[in-house]
Amino acid sequence: MTGLSTVLIVVGLFLAGGVYSFTRQKMPKGVVVLLAVASGMCLLAGVLRIQGIWE
């Protein structure tokens, strides 16, 4: 596991928490979707780096 993988996963989880919080606060759907996509991309990139698929 590299440092960048760890950072990507932590940021992805942080953004996922933001999605949950924004949903509960009834924020606009566009903001929630954008945050969810960013979270998914960070988590996916972190996992791919750990697996050695994306370097």
N, C-alpha and C. Protein backbone atom coordinates (compact mmCIF):
# COMPACT_ATOMS: atom_id res chain seq x y z
N MET A 1 0.85 -1.17 0.00
CA MET A 1 0.00 0.00 0.00
C MET A 1 0.90 1.24 0.00
N THR A 2 0.60 2.16 -0.88
CA THR A 2 1.38 3.38 -0.94
C THR A 2 0.68 4.51 -0.21
N GLY A 3 1.40 5.57 0.01
CA GLY A 3 0.82 6.72 0.69
C GLY A 3 -0.32 7.34 -0.11
N LEU A 4 -0.15 7.40 -1.43
CA LEU A 4 -1.20 8.00 -2.26
C LEU A 4 -2.48 7.18 -2.22
N SER A 5 -2.36 5.87 -2.19
CA SER A 5 -3.55 5.01 -2.09
C SER A 5 -4.30 5.30 -0.80
N THR A 6 -3.56 5.44 0.27
CA THR A 6 -4.18 5.72 1.57
C THR A 6 -4.89 7.07 1.54
N VAL A 7 -4.24 8.07 0.97
CA VAL A 7 -4.85 9.40 0.89
C VAL A 7 -6.12 9.36 0.05
N LEU A 8 -6.07 8.67 -1.09
CA LEU A 8 -7.26 8.59 -1.95
C LEU A 8 -8.42 7.91 -1.24
N ILE A 9 -8.15 6.86 -0.51
CA ILE A 9 -9.22 6.15 0.20
C ILE A 9 -9.77 7.01 1.33
N VAL A 10 -8.91 7.68 2.06
CA VAL A 10 -9.38 8.54 3.15
C VAL A 10 -10.22 9.69 2.61
N VAL A 11 -9.78 10.32 1.52
CA VAL A 11 -10.56 11.40 0.92
C VAL A 11 -11.90 10.86 0.40
N GLY A 12 -11.88 9.68 -0.20
CA GLY A 12 -13.12 9.08 -0.68
C GLY A 12 -14.11 8.82 0.45
N LEU A 13 -13.61 8.32 1.57
CA LEU A 13 -14.49 8.08 2.71
C LEU A 13 -15.00 9.39 3.31
N PHE A 14 -14.15 10.42 3.32
CA PHE A 14 -14.56 11.73 3.80
C PHE A 14 -15.69 12.28 2.93
N LEU A 15 -15.53 12.16 1.61
CA LEU A 15 -16.57 12.63 0.70
C LEU A 15 -17.85 11.80 0.83
N ALA A 16 -17.71 10.50 1.11
CA ALA A 16 -18.89 9.67 1.32
C ALA A 16 -19.66 10.13 2.55
N GLY A 17 -18.94 10.53 3.58
CA GLY A 17 -19.59 11.10 4.76
C GLY A 17 -20.31 12.39 4.42
N GLY A 18 -19.72 13.17 3.52
CA GLY A 18 -20.36 14.40 3.07
C GLY A 18 -21.65 14.12 2.31
N VAL A 19 -21.64 13.06 1.52
CA VAL A 19 -22.86 12.67 0.80
C VAL A 19 -23.97 12.35 1.80
N TYR A 20 -23.64 11.59 2.81
CA TYR A 20 -24.63 11.23 3.84
C TYR A 20 -25.15 12.49 4.54
N SER A 21 -24.24 13.37 4.91
CA SER A 21 -24.62 14.59 5.61
C SER A 21 -25.48 15.50 4.72
N PHE A 22 -25.05 15.68 3.47
CA PHE A 22 -25.80 16.55 2.56
C PHE A 22 -27.19 15.99 2.27
N THR A 23 -27.30 14.67 2.21
CA THR A 23 -28.60 14.04 1.97
C THR A 23 -29.54 14.30 3.14
N ARG A 24 -29.01 14.18 4.34
CA ARG A 24 -29.84 14.41 5.52
C ARG A 24 -30.24 15.89 5.67
N GLN A 25 -29.42 16.79 5.13
CA GLN A 25 -29.72 18.23 5.21
C GLN A 25 -30.61 18.69 4.06
N LYS A 26 -31.01 17.76 3.19
CA LYS A 26 -31.87 18.06 2.05
C LYS A 26 -31.22 19.08 1.11
N MET A 27 -29.93 18.89 0.84
CA MET A 27 -29.21 19.75 -0.10
C MET A 27 -29.68 19.42 -1.53
N PRO A 28 -29.40 20.31 -2.50
CA PRO A 28 -29.83 20.04 -3.88
C PRO A 28 -29.24 18.73 -4.42
N LYS A 29 -30.03 18.02 -5.20
CA LYS A 29 -29.62 16.71 -5.73
C LYS A 29 -28.33 16.79 -6.54
N GLY A 30 -28.14 17.87 -7.30
CA GLY A 30 -26.94 18.01 -8.11
C GLY A 30 -25.67 18.00 -7.28
N VAL A 31 -25.71 18.66 -6.14
CA VAL A 31 -24.55 18.70 -5.25
C VAL A 31 -24.27 17.32 -4.68
N VAL A 32 -25.32 16.63 -4.28
CA VAL A 32 -25.17 15.30 -3.71
C VAL A 32 -24.61 14.32 -4.74
N VAL A 33 -25.12 14.39 -5.96
CA VAL A 33 -24.64 13.50 -7.02
C VAL A 33 -23.18 13.79 -7.35
N LEU A 34 -22.81 15.06 -7.45
CA LEU A 34 -21.43 15.43 -7.73
C LEU A 34 -20.49 14.92 -6.64
N LEU A 35 -20.90 15.07 -5.40
CA LEU A 35 -20.09 14.59 -4.28
C LEU A 35 -20.00 13.07 -4.28
N ALA A 36 -21.07 12.39 -4.63
CA ALA A 36 -21.07 10.93 -4.69
C ALA A 36 -20.14 10.42 -5.79
N VAL A 37 -20.15 11.09 -6.94
CA VAL A 37 -19.27 10.69 -8.04
C VAL A 37 -17.81 10.90 -7.64
N ALA A 38 -17.52 12.04 -7.02
CA ALA A 38 -16.14 12.31 -6.58
C ALA A 38 -15.68 11.29 -5.55
N SER A 39 -16.57 10.93 -4.63
CA SER A 39 -16.24 9.93 -3.63
C SER A 39 -15.94 8.58 -4.27
N GLY A 40 -16.79 8.17 -5.19
CA GLY A 40 -16.59 6.89 -5.88
C GLY A 40 -15.30 6.86 -6.67
N MET A 41 -14.99 7.96 -7.33
CA MET A 41 -13.75 8.01 -8.10
C MET A 41 -12.52 7.91 -7.21
N CYS A 42 -12.53 8.61 -6.08
CA CYS A 42 -11.39 8.54 -5.16
C CYS A 42 -11.23 7.12 -4.60
N LEU A 43 -12.33 6.52 -4.19
CA LEU A 43 -12.25 5.17 -3.64
C LEU A 43 -11.78 4.17 -4.68
N LEU A 44 -12.30 4.28 -5.89
CA LEU A 44 -11.90 3.37 -6.96
C LEU A 44 -10.42 3.54 -7.30
N ALA A 45 -9.96 4.78 -7.39
CA ALA A 45 -8.55 5.02 -7.70
C ALA A 45 -7.65 4.47 -6.61
N GLY A 46 -8.05 4.63 -5.35
CA GLY A 46 -7.26 4.10 -4.25
C GLY A 46 -7.17 2.59 -4.28
N VAL A 47 -8.28 1.94 -4.54
CA VAL A 47 -8.30 0.47 -4.60
C VAL A 47 -7.49 -0.04 -5.79
N LEU A 48 -7.63 0.63 -6.94
CA LEU A 48 -6.86 0.21 -8.11
C LEU A 48 -5.36 0.37 -7.88
N ARG A 49 -4.96 1.40 -7.17
CA ARG A 49 -3.53 1.58 -6.87
C ARG A 49 -3.04 0.48 -5.92
N ILE A 50 -3.87 0.10 -4.96
CA ILE A 50 -3.47 -0.97 -4.03
C ILE A 50 -3.30 -2.27 -4.78
N GLN A 51 -4.20 -2.55 -5.72
CA GLN A 51 -4.14 -3.80 -6.49
C GLN A 51 -3.03 -3.79 -7.53
N GLY A 52 -2.44 -2.63 -7.78
CA GLY A 52 -1.36 -2.54 -8.74
C GLY A 52 -1.83 -2.44 -10.18
N ILE A 53 -3.13 -2.22 -10.38
CA ILE A 53 -3.67 -2.12 -11.73
C ILE A 53 -3.37 -0.75 -12.33
N TRP A 54 -3.45 0.28 -11.49
CA TRP A 54 -3.20 1.64 -11.96
C TRP A 54 -2.01 2.20 -11.18
N GLU A 55 -0.97 2.54 -11.88
CA GLU A 55 0.23 3.00 -11.19
C GLU A 55 0.58 4.41 -11.52
